[in-house]
Amino acid sequence: MKETIEVFRPNGEAQAQRNDNRDAQVMQQYQAEFGYRQYKSWFDTLIDGLNRLPRPMLALGIIGLVASSMWAPIWFATRMQGLALVPDPLWAIMGIVITFYFGGRHQVKMLDAQESIAKTMQAVPTVIGNIRDLHALSLSIAADDTMIISPDDKTVNEALDEWRKKRGSK
C-alpha cells in the first residue's frame, strides 16, 4: 500500500530529508564562496578592501561636490567650466565603465566623434571667457568690503526703510 501511495504523493519524511540535505549543500557552497577563509593572503585582503571602495567614494564625492559648491562657489564654477571641455566620447566611455563596473547593462550609442570634438573646440573661447570673468569677480569680491551688509548699512531700499519705520528703528 505504501508503494502505491508514494506513486501519487511523495513520502513526506523522505521529502523533508532531501530538502534538508539540499539546503545544507547550498549553505556549504555559499560558505565556501563568501565565507571567511582562515588563511587569506595579504593580496586577497587588499583586493577585498579595494572592491568595497568605489560606491562610498562616489557617494562621498557627490556630497563633497555639493558642499564645495556652497563653500567656494567661484572655485566650483571654475572646475565645472573645465568639465565643459570634456568631449562627449570621453563622457560616454566613463559612463560605460561605471555602468559595467556596477553590473548594469548599457547600450552603447555610436557617437560621431568629429562632431562632438568640433562642438567642444567651439566652446573653448566661451569657457576661457567665463573663467576670466570668474577670476575677475573673485578678485573684485576680495578687494571690495562693501559686499558685506552690516546692520548700519544705509543703502536705498524702500521696502527695508518702510519696514524699519514700522518697527520704529533706523
N, C-alpha and C. Protein backbone atom coordinates (compact mmCIF):
# COMPACT_ATOMS: atom_id res chain seq x y z
N MET A 1 0.81 -1.20 0.00
CA MET A 1 0.00 0.00 0.00
C MET A 1 0.86 1.26 0.00
N LYS A 2 1.96 1.22 0.79
CA LYS A 2 2.84 2.37 0.89
C LYS A 2 3.44 2.73 -0.48
N GLU A 3 3.86 1.72 -1.24
CA GLU A 3 4.45 1.96 -2.55
C GLU A 3 3.43 2.55 -3.52
N THR A 4 2.17 2.15 -3.40
CA THR A 4 1.13 2.66 -4.29
C THR A 4 0.86 4.14 -4.01
N ILE A 5 0.79 4.52 -2.75
CA ILE A 5 0.53 5.92 -2.40
C ILE A 5 1.70 6.80 -2.81
N GLU A 6 2.94 6.29 -2.65
CA GLU A 6 4.10 7.11 -2.98
C GLU A 6 4.25 7.34 -4.47
N VAL A 7 3.50 6.64 -5.30
CA VAL A 7 3.48 6.92 -6.73
C VAL A 7 2.79 8.25 -6.97
N PHE A 8 1.74 8.54 -6.20
CA PHE A 8 0.95 9.75 -6.38
C PHE A 8 1.39 10.90 -5.46
N ARG A 9 1.96 10.56 -4.34
CA ARG A 9 2.35 11.57 -3.37
C ARG A 9 3.67 11.14 -2.73
N PRO A 10 4.71 12.04 -2.75
CA PRO A 10 5.99 11.62 -2.18
C PRO A 10 5.88 11.46 -0.66
N ASN A 11 6.74 10.61 -0.14
CA ASN A 11 6.81 10.39 1.29
C ASN A 11 7.25 11.70 1.95
N GLY A 12 6.44 12.20 2.85
CA GLY A 12 6.71 13.49 3.48
C GLY A 12 8.02 13.53 4.25
N GLU A 13 8.31 12.46 5.00
CA GLU A 13 9.54 12.42 5.79
C GLU A 13 10.76 12.35 4.88
N ALA A 14 10.70 11.55 3.83
CA ALA A 14 11.83 11.44 2.90
C ALA A 14 12.02 12.76 2.14
N GLN A 15 10.92 13.42 1.77
CA GLN A 15 11.00 14.70 1.07
C GLN A 15 11.65 15.75 1.98
N ALA A 16 11.26 15.77 3.25
CA ALA A 16 11.86 16.72 4.20
C ALA A 16 13.36 16.46 4.34
N GLN A 17 13.76 15.22 4.36
CA GLN A 17 15.18 14.88 4.48
C GLN A 17 15.94 15.33 3.23
N ARG A 18 15.36 15.13 2.05
CA ARG A 18 16.01 15.56 0.80
C ARG A 18 16.15 17.08 0.78
N ASN A 19 15.08 17.79 1.20
CA ASN A 19 15.14 19.25 1.25
C ASN A 19 16.22 19.72 2.22
N ASP A 20 16.30 19.08 3.37
CA ASP A 20 17.30 19.45 4.37
C ASP A 20 18.71 19.22 3.83
N ASN A 21 18.93 18.10 3.14
CA ASN A 21 20.24 17.82 2.55
C ASN A 21 20.60 18.86 1.49
N ARG A 22 19.62 19.20 0.65
CA ARG A 22 19.85 20.20 -0.39
C ARG A 22 20.19 21.55 0.23
N ASP A 23 19.45 21.98 1.26
CA ASP A 23 19.72 23.26 1.92
C ASP A 23 21.11 23.28 2.56
N ALA A 24 21.50 22.17 3.16
CA ALA A 24 22.83 22.09 3.78
C ALA A 24 23.92 22.21 2.72
N GLN A 25 23.72 21.59 1.55
CA GLN A 25 24.71 21.69 0.48
C GLN A 25 24.79 23.13 -0.06
N VAL A 26 23.65 23.78 -0.18
CA VAL A 26 23.64 25.17 -0.65
C VAL A 26 24.39 26.06 0.33
N MET A 27 24.15 25.87 1.63
CA MET A 27 24.83 26.68 2.65
C MET A 27 26.34 26.41 2.64
N GLN A 28 26.76 25.17 2.42
CA GLN A 28 28.18 24.86 2.33
C GLN A 28 28.81 25.55 1.12
N GLN A 29 28.07 25.59 0.01
CA GLN A 29 28.59 26.25 -1.18
C GLN A 29 28.73 27.75 -0.93
N TYR A 30 27.72 28.38 -0.33
CA TYR A 30 27.79 29.81 -0.01
C TYR A 30 28.94 30.10 0.95
N GLN A 31 29.11 29.24 1.94
CA GLN A 31 30.18 29.45 2.90
C GLN A 31 31.54 29.35 2.22
N ALA A 32 31.68 28.40 1.33
CA ALA A 32 32.95 28.25 0.62
C ALA A 32 33.22 29.46 -0.27
N GLU A 33 32.16 30.02 -0.87
CA GLU A 33 32.36 31.13 -1.79
C GLU A 33 32.48 32.47 -1.08
N PHE A 34 31.62 32.71 -0.09
CA PHE A 34 31.54 34.02 0.53
C PHE A 34 32.00 34.04 1.98
N GLY A 35 32.22 32.91 2.56
CA GLY A 35 32.55 32.84 3.98
C GLY A 35 33.97 33.29 4.26
N TYR A 36 34.27 33.43 5.53
CA TYR A 36 35.60 33.82 5.97
C TYR A 36 36.57 32.66 5.75
N ARG A 37 37.64 32.97 5.08
CA ARG A 37 38.69 31.98 4.90
C ARG A 37 39.75 32.21 5.96
N GLN A 38 40.14 31.19 6.63
CA GLN A 38 41.06 31.33 7.75
C GLN A 38 42.42 31.82 7.27
N TYR A 39 42.87 31.38 6.12
CA TYR A 39 44.20 31.72 5.66
C TYR A 39 44.11 32.62 4.42
N LYS A 40 43.62 33.82 4.59
CA LYS A 40 43.57 34.77 3.47
C LYS A 40 44.94 35.42 3.32
N SER A 41 45.38 35.55 2.08
CA SER A 41 46.67 36.20 1.85
C SER A 41 46.49 37.72 1.93
N TRP A 42 47.58 38.43 2.01
CA TRP A 42 47.51 39.89 2.06
C TRP A 42 46.91 40.44 0.76
N PHE A 43 47.17 39.74 -0.35
CA PHE A 43 46.62 40.18 -1.63
C PHE A 43 45.09 40.05 -1.65
N ASP A 44 44.57 38.93 -1.12
CA ASP A 44 43.11 38.75 -1.04
C ASP A 44 42.48 39.84 -0.19
N THR A 45 43.11 40.13 0.94
CA THR A 45 42.60 41.17 1.83
C THR A 45 42.62 42.53 1.14
N LEU A 46 43.70 42.84 0.42
CA LEU A 46 43.81 44.11 -0.30
C LEU A 46 42.72 44.24 -1.36
N ILE A 47 42.53 43.20 -2.16
CA ILE A 47 41.53 43.24 -3.23
C ILE A 47 40.12 43.35 -2.64
N ASP A 48 39.84 42.62 -1.56
CA ASP A 48 38.53 42.73 -0.91
C ASP A 48 38.29 44.16 -0.44
N GLY A 49 39.32 44.79 0.12
CA GLY A 49 39.19 46.18 0.56
C GLY A 49 38.98 47.14 -0.60
N LEU A 50 39.73 46.94 -1.68
CA LEU A 50 39.59 47.82 -2.85
C LEU A 50 38.21 47.67 -3.50
N ASN A 51 37.67 46.46 -3.48
CA ASN A 51 36.35 46.24 -4.07
C ASN A 51 35.24 46.95 -3.29
N ARG A 52 35.50 47.29 -2.05
CA ARG A 52 34.49 47.96 -1.24
C ARG A 52 34.58 49.48 -1.34
N LEU A 53 35.57 50.03 -2.01
CA LEU A 53 35.77 51.47 -2.04
C LEU A 53 34.93 52.28 -3.03
N PRO A 54 34.69 51.81 -4.26
CA PRO A 54 34.08 52.72 -5.26
C PRO A 54 32.73 53.30 -4.87
N ARG A 55 31.82 52.53 -4.34
CA ARG A 55 30.50 53.08 -4.02
C ARG A 55 30.56 54.17 -2.96
N PRO A 56 31.24 53.93 -1.82
CA PRO A 56 31.31 55.03 -0.85
C PRO A 56 32.08 56.23 -1.39
N MET A 57 33.12 55.98 -2.20
CA MET A 57 33.87 57.11 -2.75
C MET A 57 33.01 57.94 -3.69
N LEU A 58 32.20 57.29 -4.52
CA LEU A 58 31.30 58.05 -5.39
C LEU A 58 30.27 58.84 -4.59
N ALA A 59 29.68 58.20 -3.59
CA ALA A 59 28.67 58.89 -2.78
C ALA A 59 29.29 60.06 -2.03
N LEU A 60 30.43 59.85 -1.38
CA LEU A 60 31.08 60.94 -0.65
C LEU A 60 31.59 62.02 -1.60
N GLY A 61 32.01 61.62 -2.80
CA GLY A 61 32.44 62.62 -3.79
C GLY A 61 31.32 63.53 -4.22
N ILE A 62 30.14 62.97 -4.44
CA ILE A 62 28.98 63.79 -4.82
C ILE A 62 28.61 64.73 -3.68
N ILE A 63 28.61 64.22 -2.45
CA ILE A 63 28.31 65.08 -1.29
C ILE A 63 29.37 66.18 -1.19
N GLY A 64 30.62 65.83 -1.44
CA GLY A 64 31.69 66.83 -1.43
C GLY A 64 31.51 67.89 -2.50
N LEU A 65 31.06 67.50 -3.68
CA LEU A 65 30.80 68.48 -4.73
C LEU A 65 29.70 69.46 -4.33
N VAL A 66 28.63 68.94 -3.74
CA VAL A 66 27.54 69.81 -3.30
C VAL A 66 28.05 70.77 -2.23
N ALA A 67 28.82 70.26 -1.28
CA ALA A 67 29.34 71.11 -0.21
C ALA A 67 30.30 72.16 -0.77
N SER A 68 31.16 71.76 -1.71
CA SER A 68 32.11 72.72 -2.27
C SER A 68 31.41 73.79 -3.10
N SER A 69 30.28 73.45 -3.70
CA SER A 69 29.55 74.47 -4.47
C SER A 69 28.99 75.55 -3.55
N MET A 70 28.73 75.21 -2.30
CA MET A 70 28.24 76.22 -1.35
C MET A 70 29.41 76.91 -0.63
N TRP A 71 30.48 76.17 -0.37
CA TRP A 71 31.60 76.71 0.39
C TRP A 71 32.45 77.65 -0.45
N ALA A 72 32.72 77.28 -1.70
CA ALA A 72 33.56 78.08 -2.60
C ALA A 72 32.94 78.08 -3.99
N PRO A 73 31.89 78.89 -4.19
CA PRO A 73 31.17 78.82 -5.47
C PRO A 73 32.01 79.21 -6.69
N ILE A 74 32.92 80.14 -6.54
CA ILE A 74 33.73 80.55 -7.69
C ILE A 74 34.72 79.44 -8.04
N TRP A 75 35.33 78.82 -7.04
CA TRP A 75 36.23 77.69 -7.28
C TRP A 75 35.46 76.57 -7.96
N PHE A 76 34.25 76.28 -7.47
CA PHE A 76 33.42 75.21 -8.03
C PHE A 76 33.04 75.54 -9.48
N ALA A 77 32.62 76.78 -9.73
CA ALA A 77 32.22 77.16 -11.09
C ALA A 77 33.40 77.07 -12.06
N THR A 78 34.59 77.41 -11.58
CA THR A 78 35.78 77.29 -12.44
C THR A 78 36.02 75.84 -12.82
N ARG A 79 35.88 74.91 -11.87
CA ARG A 79 36.07 73.49 -12.16
C ARG A 79 34.99 72.98 -13.11
N MET A 80 33.77 73.43 -12.95
CA MET A 80 32.69 72.99 -13.83
C MET A 80 32.90 73.52 -15.25
N GLN A 81 33.52 74.69 -15.39
CA GLN A 81 33.85 75.19 -16.73
C GLN A 81 34.87 74.27 -17.38
N GLY A 82 35.80 73.75 -16.59
CA GLY A 82 36.76 72.79 -17.12
C GLY A 82 36.09 71.51 -17.59
N LEU A 83 35.06 71.07 -16.86
CA LEU A 83 34.34 69.86 -17.27
C LEU A 83 33.57 70.08 -18.57
N ALA A 84 33.24 71.34 -18.86
CA ALA A 84 32.53 71.62 -20.11
C ALA A 84 33.39 71.29 -21.33
N LEU A 85 34.70 71.20 -21.14
CA LEU A 85 35.61 70.89 -22.26
C LEU A 85 35.81 69.40 -22.48
N VAL A 86 35.28 68.57 -21.62
CA VAL A 86 35.44 67.12 -21.79
C VAL A 86 34.59 66.68 -22.99
N PRO A 87 35.20 66.04 -23.97
CA PRO A 87 34.43 65.65 -25.17
C PRO A 87 33.40 64.55 -24.85
N ASP A 88 32.35 64.56 -25.63
CA ASP A 88 31.26 63.60 -25.43
C ASP A 88 31.70 62.13 -25.48
N PRO A 89 32.62 61.74 -26.39
CA PRO A 89 33.04 60.33 -26.37
C PRO A 89 33.69 59.93 -25.04
N LEU A 90 34.41 60.86 -24.41
CA LEU A 90 35.03 60.53 -23.12
C LEU A 90 33.97 60.35 -22.04
N TRP A 91 32.93 61.20 -22.07
CA TRP A 91 31.81 61.02 -21.13
C TRP A 91 31.15 59.67 -21.35
N ALA A 92 30.99 59.29 -22.63
CA ALA A 92 30.36 58.01 -22.94
C ALA A 92 31.20 56.85 -22.43
N ILE A 93 32.52 56.94 -22.62
CA ILE A 93 33.40 55.87 -22.14
C ILE A 93 33.35 55.78 -20.62
N MET A 94 33.38 56.94 -19.95
CA MET A 94 33.32 56.92 -18.48
C MET A 94 32.00 56.34 -18.00
N GLY A 95 30.91 56.69 -18.66
CA GLY A 95 29.61 56.14 -18.30
C GLY A 95 29.55 54.63 -18.50
N ILE A 96 30.14 54.16 -19.57
CA ILE A 96 30.15 52.72 -19.85
C ILE A 96 30.97 51.98 -18.79
N VAL A 97 32.15 52.53 -18.46
CA VAL A 97 32.99 51.88 -17.46
C VAL A 97 32.26 51.80 -16.12
N ILE A 98 31.66 52.90 -15.70
CA ILE A 98 30.94 52.90 -14.41
C ILE A 98 29.75 51.96 -14.47
N THR A 99 29.03 51.98 -15.58
CA THR A 99 27.86 51.11 -15.70
C THR A 99 28.26 49.64 -15.63
N PHE A 100 29.31 49.25 -16.37
CA PHE A 100 29.74 47.86 -16.33
C PHE A 100 30.32 47.49 -14.98
N TYR A 101 31.01 48.44 -14.35
CA TYR A 101 31.59 48.14 -13.05
C TYR A 101 30.52 47.78 -12.04
N PHE A 102 29.43 48.49 -12.03
CA PHE A 102 28.36 48.21 -11.08
C PHE A 102 27.39 47.16 -11.59
N GLY A 103 27.70 46.49 -12.66
CA GLY A 103 26.93 45.33 -13.08
C GLY A 103 25.73 45.65 -13.95
N GLY A 104 25.53 46.87 -14.27
CA GLY A 104 24.37 47.21 -15.10
C GLY A 104 24.68 47.00 -16.57
N ARG A 105 23.65 47.04 -17.37
CA ARG A 105 23.84 46.93 -18.82
C ARG A 105 23.66 48.30 -19.43
N HIS A 106 24.46 48.56 -20.38
CA HIS A 106 24.39 49.86 -21.03
C HIS A 106 24.57 49.66 -22.53
N GLN A 107 23.61 50.13 -23.28
CA GLN A 107 23.75 50.01 -24.72
C GLN A 107 24.55 51.21 -25.23
N VAL A 108 25.56 50.90 -25.99
CA VAL A 108 26.44 51.94 -26.49
C VAL A 108 25.86 52.53 -27.78
N LYS A 109 25.67 53.82 -27.75
CA LYS A 109 25.19 54.52 -28.95
C LYS A 109 26.42 55.07 -29.67
N MET A 110 26.48 54.82 -30.95
CA MET A 110 27.62 55.29 -31.72
C MET A 110 27.60 56.81 -31.77
N LEU A 111 28.73 57.40 -31.40
CA LEU A 111 28.85 58.86 -31.39
C LEU A 111 29.71 59.31 -32.57
N ASP A 112 29.32 60.40 -33.12
CA ASP A 112 30.15 60.99 -34.17
C ASP A 112 31.22 61.82 -33.47
N ALA A 113 32.40 61.25 -33.31
CA ALA A 113 33.47 61.88 -32.53
C ALA A 113 33.90 63.21 -33.12
N GLN A 114 33.97 63.32 -34.42
CA GLN A 114 34.42 64.56 -35.04
C GLN A 114 33.47 65.71 -34.73
N GLU A 115 32.17 65.44 -34.76
CA GLU A 115 31.18 66.47 -34.48
C GLU A 115 31.26 66.94 -33.03
N SER A 116 31.40 66.01 -32.09
CA SER A 116 31.46 66.39 -30.69
C SER A 116 32.75 67.13 -30.37
N ILE A 117 33.86 66.72 -31.00
CA ILE A 117 35.12 67.42 -30.78
C ILE A 117 35.05 68.83 -31.36
N ALA A 118 34.42 68.97 -32.52
CA ALA A 118 34.26 70.31 -33.11
C ALA A 118 33.40 71.20 -32.21
N LYS A 119 32.32 70.63 -31.65
CA LYS A 119 31.48 71.41 -30.73
C LYS A 119 32.26 71.81 -29.49
N THR A 120 33.08 70.89 -29.00
CA THR A 120 33.90 71.20 -27.82
C THR A 120 34.90 72.30 -28.14
N MET A 121 35.53 72.23 -29.30
CA MET A 121 36.51 73.25 -29.67
C MET A 121 35.84 74.61 -29.86
N GLN A 122 34.60 74.62 -30.32
CA GLN A 122 33.87 75.89 -30.46
C GLN A 122 33.55 76.49 -29.10
N ALA A 123 33.44 75.65 -28.07
CA ALA A 123 33.11 76.14 -26.73
C ALA A 123 34.32 76.67 -25.98
N VAL A 124 35.53 76.40 -26.46
CA VAL A 124 36.74 76.82 -25.74
C VAL A 124 36.80 78.32 -25.49
N PRO A 125 36.57 79.20 -26.48
CA PRO A 125 36.63 80.64 -26.19
C PRO A 125 35.61 81.09 -25.13
N THR A 126 34.42 80.51 -25.17
CA THR A 126 33.40 80.85 -24.18
C THR A 126 33.83 80.42 -22.79
N VAL A 127 34.38 79.22 -22.69
CA VAL A 127 34.83 78.72 -21.38
C VAL A 127 35.98 79.58 -20.86
N ILE A 128 36.93 79.93 -21.72
CA ILE A 128 38.05 80.77 -21.29
C ILE A 128 37.54 82.13 -20.83
N GLY A 129 36.59 82.71 -21.54
CA GLY A 129 36.00 83.98 -21.12
C GLY A 129 35.28 83.86 -19.78
N ASN A 130 34.55 82.76 -19.60
CA ASN A 130 33.85 82.54 -18.32
C ASN A 130 34.84 82.41 -17.16
N ILE A 131 35.93 81.68 -17.39
CA ILE A 131 36.94 81.53 -16.33
C ILE A 131 37.58 82.88 -16.02
N ARG A 132 37.89 83.68 -17.06
CA ARG A 132 38.46 85.01 -16.85
C ARG A 132 37.50 85.89 -16.05
N ASP A 133 36.20 85.83 -16.39
CA ASP A 133 35.20 86.62 -15.66
C ASP A 133 35.08 86.16 -14.20
N LEU A 134 35.15 84.84 -13.98
CA LEU A 134 35.07 84.33 -12.61
C LEU A 134 36.27 84.76 -11.79
N HIS A 135 37.46 84.77 -12.39
CA HIS A 135 38.64 85.23 -11.66
C HIS A 135 38.53 86.73 -11.34
N ALA A 136 38.04 87.52 -12.32
CA ALA A 136 37.86 88.95 -12.07
C ALA A 136 36.84 89.18 -10.96
N LEU A 137 35.76 88.42 -10.97
CA LEU A 137 34.74 88.54 -9.93
C LEU A 137 35.32 88.16 -8.57
N SER A 138 36.12 87.11 -8.55
CA SER A 138 36.75 86.68 -7.30
C SER A 138 37.66 87.77 -6.75
N LEU A 139 38.47 88.39 -7.62
CA LEU A 139 39.36 89.45 -7.18
C LEU A 139 38.58 90.68 -6.73
N SER A 140 37.49 91.03 -7.42
CA SER A 140 36.72 92.22 -7.03
C SER A 140 35.99 91.99 -5.71
N ILE A 141 35.53 90.77 -5.47
CA ILE A 141 34.88 90.47 -4.19
C ILE A 141 35.90 90.54 -3.06
N ALA A 142 37.10 90.03 -3.31
CA ALA A 142 38.13 90.04 -2.27
C ALA A 142 38.59 91.46 -1.96
N ALA A 143 38.61 92.36 -2.97
CA ALA A 143 39.08 93.73 -2.77
C ALA A 143 38.00 94.66 -2.26
N ASP A 144 36.75 94.30 -2.36
CA ASP A 144 35.64 95.20 -2.04
C ASP A 144 34.93 94.70 -0.79
N ASP A 145 35.04 95.46 0.34
CA ASP A 145 34.33 95.02 1.54
C ASP A 145 32.90 95.53 1.57
N THR A 146 32.48 96.30 0.60
CA THR A 146 31.10 96.81 0.64
C THR A 146 30.10 95.72 0.32
N MET A 147 30.60 94.57 -0.09
CA MET A 147 29.70 93.46 -0.37
C MET A 147 29.08 92.92 0.92
N ILE A 148 29.76 93.17 2.05
CA ILE A 148 29.26 92.69 3.33
C ILE A 148 28.21 93.68 3.82
N ILE A 149 27.03 93.20 4.07
CA ILE A 149 25.94 94.06 4.52
C ILE A 149 25.91 94.04 6.04
N SER A 150 26.05 95.21 6.61
CA SER A 150 26.03 95.31 8.07
C SER A 150 24.70 95.90 8.50
N PRO A 151 24.36 95.83 9.79
CA PRO A 151 23.12 96.43 10.27
C PRO A 151 23.11 97.94 10.10
N ASP A 152 24.28 98.55 9.97
CA ASP A 152 24.35 100.01 9.81
C ASP A 152 24.27 100.42 8.35
N ASP A 153 24.06 99.51 7.47
CA ASP A 153 24.02 99.79 6.03
C ASP A 153 22.87 100.74 5.72
N LYS A 154 23.18 101.84 5.04
CA LYS A 154 22.17 102.87 4.75
C LYS A 154 21.87 102.96 3.25
N THR A 155 22.02 101.87 2.50
CA THR A 155 21.71 101.90 1.08
C THR A 155 20.21 102.12 0.89
N VAL A 156 19.84 102.64 -0.25
CA VAL A 156 18.44 102.93 -0.52
C VAL A 156 17.71 101.64 -0.83
N ASN A 157 16.78 101.32 0.03
CA ASN A 157 15.94 100.15 -0.14
C ASN A 157 14.59 100.51 0.45
N GLU A 158 13.66 100.88 -0.41
CA GLU A 158 12.38 101.41 0.07
C GLU A 158 11.63 100.43 0.96
N ALA A 159 11.60 99.17 0.59
CA ALA A 159 10.89 98.18 1.40
C ALA A 159 11.54 98.03 2.77
N LEU A 160 12.87 98.03 2.80
CA LEU A 160 13.57 97.92 4.07
C LEU A 160 13.37 99.17 4.92
N ASP A 161 13.40 100.35 4.27
CA ASP A 161 13.17 101.60 5.01
C ASP A 161 11.77 101.63 5.61
N GLU A 162 10.77 101.20 4.83
CA GLU A 162 9.39 101.16 5.33
C GLU A 162 9.27 100.19 6.51
N TRP A 163 9.93 99.05 6.40
CA TRP A 163 9.91 98.07 7.49
C TRP A 163 10.57 98.63 8.74
N ARG A 164 11.68 99.34 8.55
CA ARG A 164 12.36 99.95 9.70
C ARG A 164 11.49 101.02 10.35
N LYS A 165 10.76 101.79 9.54
CA LYS A 165 9.89 102.81 10.09
C LYS A 165 8.75 102.19 10.91
N LYS A 166 8.19 101.09 10.39
CA LYS A 166 7.12 100.39 11.13
C LYS A 166 7.63 99.85 12.45
N ARG A 167 8.87 99.41 12.47
CA ARG A 167 9.45 98.89 13.71
C ARG A 167 9.88 99.99 14.65
N GLY A 168 10.01 101.22 14.10
CA GLY A 168 10.44 102.34 14.94
C GLY A 168 11.94 102.44 15.08
N SER A 169 12.67 101.83 14.18
CA SER A 169 14.14 101.92 14.25
C SER A 169 14.67 102.43 12.94
N LYS A 170 15.90 102.89 12.97
CA LYS A 170 16.53 103.38 11.75
C LYS A 170 17.80 102.66 11.45
